[in-house]
Amino acid sequence: MTARRRPGVPTTGPLTPDDEELLLRAAAAAPSVHNTQPWLLATSAARVDVFADPSRRLRHGDPHGRSMLVSVGAAVLDVRVDHGAQRLVLQVRELRDDERLRLVP
């Protein structure tokens, strides 16, 4: 089953491959510190996960990772805006501390 879009009507349901591609392009277009794009994206039929990629952090220019996290936030914002433009319902959930420890070393 695929979600059908009607102007002005939010849609829930699985993401289509076209949806996934549009959302990945939106994240790729997000601004980032020195264009490092320090994020990883994982898509499935039901969700898009955005993770910080510490291997892309600028060790000397961003020793505490603040700019990396601001860049990840820009990617999340772009994905959210694109979700809205596609009339998809989006829920953003911040990870609990115990979940974060498993994902970001």
N, C-alpha and C. Protein backbone atom coordinates (compact mmCIF):
# COMPACT_ATOMS: atom_id res chain seq x y z
N MET A 1 0.84 -1.16 0.00
CA MET A 1 0.00 0.00 0.00
C MET A 1 0.89 1.24 0.00
N THR A 2 0.57 2.21 -0.80
CA THR A 2 1.32 3.45 -0.82
C THR A 2 0.41 4.59 -0.40
N ALA A 3 1.01 5.62 0.15
CA ALA A 3 0.23 6.78 0.57
C ALA A 3 -0.12 7.62 -0.65
N ARG A 4 -1.35 8.05 -0.74
CA ARG A 4 -1.77 8.94 -1.82
C ARG A 4 -1.83 10.35 -1.27
N ARG A 5 -1.46 11.28 -2.09
CA ARG A 5 -1.43 12.67 -1.66
C ARG A 5 -2.57 13.45 -2.29
N ARG A 6 -3.25 14.21 -1.45
CA ARG A 6 -4.25 15.14 -1.93
C ARG A 6 -3.86 16.51 -1.40
N PRO A 7 -3.94 17.55 -2.22
CA PRO A 7 -3.54 18.88 -1.76
C PRO A 7 -4.21 19.25 -0.45
N GLY A 8 -3.40 19.68 0.50
CA GLY A 8 -3.90 20.16 1.77
C GLY A 8 -4.28 19.08 2.78
N VAL A 9 -4.12 17.81 2.42
CA VAL A 9 -4.52 16.72 3.32
C VAL A 9 -3.27 15.96 3.75
N PRO A 10 -2.93 15.97 5.05
CA PRO A 10 -1.76 15.21 5.51
C PRO A 10 -1.96 13.71 5.26
N THR A 11 -0.87 13.03 4.99
CA THR A 11 -0.91 11.61 4.68
C THR A 11 -0.07 10.84 5.69
N THR A 12 -0.61 9.74 6.14
CA THR A 12 0.16 8.82 6.96
C THR A 12 0.34 7.54 6.16
N GLY A 13 1.22 6.70 6.59
CA GLY A 13 1.42 5.44 5.88
C GLY A 13 2.87 5.29 5.48
N PRO A 14 3.17 4.20 4.79
CA PRO A 14 4.56 3.92 4.45
C PRO A 14 5.13 4.92 3.45
N LEU A 15 6.44 5.13 3.57
CA LEU A 15 7.14 5.98 2.60
C LEU A 15 7.37 5.17 1.33
N THR A 16 7.17 5.81 0.21
CA THR A 16 7.46 5.17 -1.07
C THR A 16 8.94 5.39 -1.38
N PRO A 17 9.51 4.65 -2.31
CA PRO A 17 10.89 4.92 -2.71
C PRO A 17 11.08 6.37 -3.19
N ASP A 18 10.08 6.93 -3.86
CA ASP A 18 10.18 8.33 -4.29
C ASP A 18 10.22 9.27 -3.10
N ASP A 19 9.40 8.97 -2.07
CA ASP A 19 9.43 9.78 -0.85
C ASP A 19 10.82 9.75 -0.23
N GLU A 20 11.37 8.55 -0.12
CA GLU A 20 12.70 8.40 0.49
C GLU A 20 13.74 9.20 -0.26
N GLU A 21 13.71 9.14 -1.58
CA GLU A 21 14.70 9.87 -2.37
C GLU A 21 14.56 11.37 -2.17
N LEU A 22 13.33 11.88 -2.16
CA LEU A 22 13.13 13.31 -1.95
C LEU A 22 13.63 13.76 -0.59
N LEU A 23 13.38 12.94 0.44
CA LEU A 23 13.82 13.31 1.78
C LEU A 23 15.34 13.24 1.92
N LEU A 24 15.96 12.27 1.28
CA LEU A 24 17.42 12.18 1.30
C LEU A 24 18.04 13.37 0.58
N ARG A 25 17.43 13.77 -0.51
CA ARG A 25 17.94 14.96 -1.22
C ARG A 25 17.78 16.22 -0.38
N ALA A 26 16.69 16.31 0.36
CA ALA A 26 16.48 17.47 1.23
C ALA A 26 17.58 17.54 2.28
N ALA A 27 17.90 16.42 2.89
CA ALA A 27 18.96 16.41 3.91
C ALA A 27 20.31 16.75 3.28
N ALA A 28 20.57 16.23 2.10
CA ALA A 28 21.85 16.49 1.44
C ALA A 28 22.01 17.96 1.10
N ALA A 29 20.91 18.67 0.92
CA ALA A 29 20.98 20.09 0.58
C ALA A 29 21.12 20.98 1.81
N ALA A 30 21.05 20.40 2.99
CA ALA A 30 21.14 21.19 4.22
C ALA A 30 22.54 21.78 4.38
N PRO A 31 22.62 22.99 4.93
CA PRO A 31 23.94 23.56 5.19
C PRO A 31 24.64 22.82 6.32
N SER A 32 25.96 22.76 6.24
CA SER A 32 26.73 22.13 7.30
C SER A 32 28.08 22.82 7.40
N VAL A 33 28.72 22.69 8.55
CA VAL A 33 30.00 23.34 8.78
C VAL A 33 31.02 22.83 7.75
N HIS A 34 31.57 23.74 6.99
CA HIS A 34 32.54 23.43 5.93
C HIS A 34 32.06 22.32 5.00
N ASN A 35 30.74 22.24 4.82
CA ASN A 35 30.11 21.24 3.95
C ASN A 35 30.54 19.81 4.28
N THR A 36 30.72 19.54 5.56
CA THR A 36 31.13 18.19 5.98
C THR A 36 29.98 17.19 5.97
N GLN A 37 28.74 17.68 6.01
CA GLN A 37 27.54 16.84 6.09
C GLN A 37 27.74 15.73 7.14
N PRO A 38 27.90 16.13 8.40
CA PRO A 38 28.22 15.15 9.45
C PRO A 38 27.01 14.38 9.98
N TRP A 39 26.26 13.79 9.08
CA TRP A 39 25.10 13.01 9.48
C TRP A 39 25.02 11.74 8.68
N LEU A 40 24.30 10.80 9.24
CA LEU A 40 23.98 9.55 8.55
C LEU A 40 22.47 9.46 8.51
N LEU A 41 21.94 9.01 7.40
CA LEU A 41 20.50 8.85 7.25
C LEU A 41 20.18 7.39 7.01
N ALA A 42 19.12 6.94 7.63
CA ALA A 42 18.63 5.58 7.41
C ALA A 42 17.14 5.69 7.15
N THR A 43 16.69 5.13 6.04
CA THR A 43 15.27 5.19 5.72
C THR A 43 14.69 3.78 5.70
N SER A 44 13.42 3.73 5.97
CA SER A 44 12.66 2.50 5.85
C SER A 44 11.27 2.90 5.40
N ALA A 45 10.41 1.96 5.23
CA ALA A 45 9.06 2.28 4.78
C ALA A 45 8.31 3.14 5.79
N ALA A 46 8.74 3.08 7.03
CA ALA A 46 7.99 3.78 8.08
C ALA A 46 8.69 5.01 8.64
N ARG A 47 10.00 5.19 8.36
CA ARG A 47 10.69 6.27 9.06
C ARG A 47 11.97 6.69 8.35
N VAL A 48 12.44 7.86 8.77
CA VAL A 48 13.74 8.38 8.38
C VAL A 48 14.47 8.68 9.68
N ASP A 49 15.62 8.05 9.89
CA ASP A 49 16.43 8.32 11.07
C ASP A 49 17.62 9.16 10.66
N VAL A 50 17.93 10.17 11.46
CA VAL A 50 19.07 11.05 11.22
C VAL A 50 19.99 10.93 12.43
N PHE A 51 21.24 10.57 12.17
CA PHE A 51 22.22 10.38 13.23
C PHE A 51 23.44 11.27 12.99
N ALA A 52 24.08 11.71 14.06
CA ALA A 52 25.36 12.41 13.94
C ALA A 52 26.43 11.38 13.55
N ASP A 53 27.35 11.80 12.68
CA ASP A 53 28.47 10.94 12.27
C ASP A 53 29.76 11.57 12.80
N PRO A 54 30.20 11.16 13.98
CA PRO A 54 31.39 11.77 14.59
C PRO A 54 32.64 11.66 13.73
N SER A 55 32.70 10.73 12.82
CA SER A 55 33.89 10.61 11.96
C SER A 55 34.02 11.80 11.02
N ARG A 56 32.96 12.56 10.83
CA ARG A 56 33.00 13.74 9.96
C ARG A 56 33.15 15.05 10.73
N ARG A 57 33.27 14.97 12.03
CA ARG A 57 33.46 16.17 12.85
C ARG A 57 34.85 16.72 12.61
N LEU A 58 34.96 18.04 12.55
CA LEU A 58 36.26 18.69 12.39
C LEU A 58 36.94 18.71 13.75
N ARG A 59 37.93 17.85 13.92
CA ARG A 59 38.56 17.66 15.24
C ARG A 59 39.16 18.95 15.81
N HIS A 60 39.81 19.75 14.98
CA HIS A 60 40.46 20.96 15.49
C HIS A 60 39.53 22.17 15.43
N GLY A 61 38.71 22.25 14.39
CA GLY A 61 37.81 23.39 14.24
C GLY A 61 36.54 23.29 15.07
N ASP A 62 36.22 22.08 15.52
CA ASP A 62 34.99 21.85 16.28
C ASP A 62 35.27 20.81 17.37
N PRO A 63 36.18 21.13 18.31
CA PRO A 63 36.62 20.12 19.26
C PRO A 63 35.52 19.55 20.16
N HIS A 64 34.45 20.31 20.39
CA HIS A 64 33.39 19.84 21.27
C HIS A 64 32.18 19.30 20.51
N GLY A 65 32.21 19.38 19.18
CA GLY A 65 31.13 18.83 18.37
C GLY A 65 29.90 19.69 18.26
N ARG A 66 29.97 20.94 18.72
CA ARG A 66 28.80 21.82 18.66
C ARG A 66 28.39 22.08 17.22
N SER A 67 29.32 22.46 16.36
CA SER A 67 29.00 22.75 14.96
C SER A 67 28.46 21.50 14.25
N MET A 68 28.99 20.35 14.62
CA MET A 68 28.49 19.10 14.04
C MET A 68 27.01 18.93 14.38
N LEU A 69 26.64 19.16 15.64
CA LEU A 69 25.25 18.98 16.04
C LEU A 69 24.33 20.04 15.44
N VAL A 70 24.83 21.27 15.27
CA VAL A 70 24.05 22.30 14.59
C VAL A 70 23.80 21.88 13.14
N SER A 71 24.81 21.31 12.50
CA SER A 71 24.67 20.84 11.13
C SER A 71 23.65 19.70 11.03
N VAL A 72 23.69 18.79 11.99
CA VAL A 72 22.72 17.69 12.02
C VAL A 72 21.31 18.27 12.20
N GLY A 73 21.19 19.28 13.05
CA GLY A 73 19.89 19.93 13.24
C GLY A 73 19.38 20.55 11.96
N ALA A 74 20.28 21.12 11.15
CA ALA A 74 19.88 21.69 9.86
C ALA A 74 19.35 20.59 8.93
N ALA A 75 19.98 19.43 8.96
CA ALA A 75 19.51 18.31 8.13
C ALA A 75 18.13 17.85 8.60
N VAL A 76 17.94 17.76 9.91
CA VAL A 76 16.64 17.36 10.44
C VAL A 76 15.58 18.39 10.04
N LEU A 77 15.91 19.67 10.13
CA LEU A 77 14.96 20.71 9.74
C LEU A 77 14.59 20.58 8.26
N ASP A 78 15.58 20.38 7.40
CA ASP A 78 15.28 20.23 5.98
C ASP A 78 14.39 19.02 5.71
N VAL A 79 14.63 17.92 6.39
CA VAL A 79 13.78 16.74 6.23
C VAL A 79 12.36 17.05 6.72
N ARG A 80 12.25 17.77 7.83
CA ARG A 80 10.93 18.13 8.35
C ARG A 80 10.18 19.02 7.38
N VAL A 81 10.86 20.02 6.84
CA VAL A 81 10.22 20.93 5.89
C VAL A 81 9.77 20.16 4.65
N ASP A 82 10.61 19.27 4.17
CA ASP A 82 10.24 18.49 2.99
C ASP A 82 9.09 17.54 3.28
N HIS A 83 9.07 16.96 4.47
CA HIS A 83 7.94 16.12 4.87
C HIS A 83 6.65 16.92 4.75
N GLY A 84 6.67 18.14 5.28
CA GLY A 84 5.48 18.99 5.23
C GLY A 84 5.08 19.33 3.81
N ALA A 85 6.07 19.61 2.96
CA ALA A 85 5.78 19.94 1.56
C ALA A 85 5.18 18.74 0.84
N GLN A 86 5.55 17.54 1.26
CA GLN A 86 5.03 16.32 0.63
C GLN A 86 3.72 15.88 1.28
N ARG A 87 3.24 16.67 2.26
CA ARG A 87 2.01 16.34 2.98
C ARG A 87 2.11 15.02 3.76
N LEU A 88 3.30 14.73 4.23
CA LEU A 88 3.49 13.55 5.06
C LEU A 88 3.44 13.97 6.52
N VAL A 89 2.88 13.13 7.35
CA VAL A 89 2.84 13.40 8.78
C VAL A 89 4.19 13.00 9.36
N LEU A 90 4.78 13.87 10.17
CA LEU A 90 6.11 13.63 10.71
C LEU A 90 6.08 13.74 12.22
N GLN A 91 6.73 12.83 12.85
CA GLN A 91 6.91 12.87 14.30
C GLN A 91 8.40 12.86 14.58
N VAL A 92 8.89 13.86 15.31
CA VAL A 92 10.30 13.92 15.68
C VAL A 92 10.42 13.46 17.12
N ARG A 93 11.35 12.56 17.35
CA ARG A 93 11.54 12.03 18.69
C ARG A 93 13.02 12.12 19.04
N GLU A 94 13.31 12.77 20.16
CA GLU A 94 14.68 12.81 20.65
C GLU A 94 14.96 11.51 21.39
N LEU A 95 16.15 10.99 21.18
CA LEU A 95 16.51 9.73 21.83
C LEU A 95 16.76 9.92 23.32
N ARG A 96 16.40 8.92 24.08
CA ARG A 96 16.74 8.92 25.51
C ARG A 96 18.25 8.75 25.64
N ASP A 97 18.78 9.10 26.79
CA ASP A 97 20.23 9.01 27.00
C ASP A 97 20.75 7.59 26.76
N ASP A 98 20.03 6.57 27.22
CA ASP A 98 20.52 5.20 27.03
C ASP A 98 20.49 4.80 25.55
N GLU A 99 19.57 5.36 24.77
CA GLU A 99 19.56 5.09 23.33
C GLU A 99 20.70 5.81 22.63
N ARG A 100 20.97 7.04 23.06
CA ARG A 100 22.05 7.82 22.46
C ARG A 100 23.39 7.16 22.63
N LEU A 101 23.62 6.60 23.79
CA LEU A 101 24.92 6.00 24.06
C LEU A 101 25.23 4.86 23.10
N ARG A 102 24.22 4.16 22.63
CA ARG A 102 24.45 3.07 21.68
C ARG A 102 24.68 3.56 20.26
N LEU A 103 24.25 4.80 19.95
CA LEU A 103 24.31 5.26 18.57
C LEU A 103 25.47 6.20 18.26
N VAL A 104 25.81 7.07 19.18
CA VAL A 104 26.86 8.05 18.93
C VAL A 104 28.00 7.78 19.90
N PRO A 105 29.15 7.27 19.38
CA PRO A 105 30.25 6.96 20.28
C PRO A 105 30.89 8.21 20.87
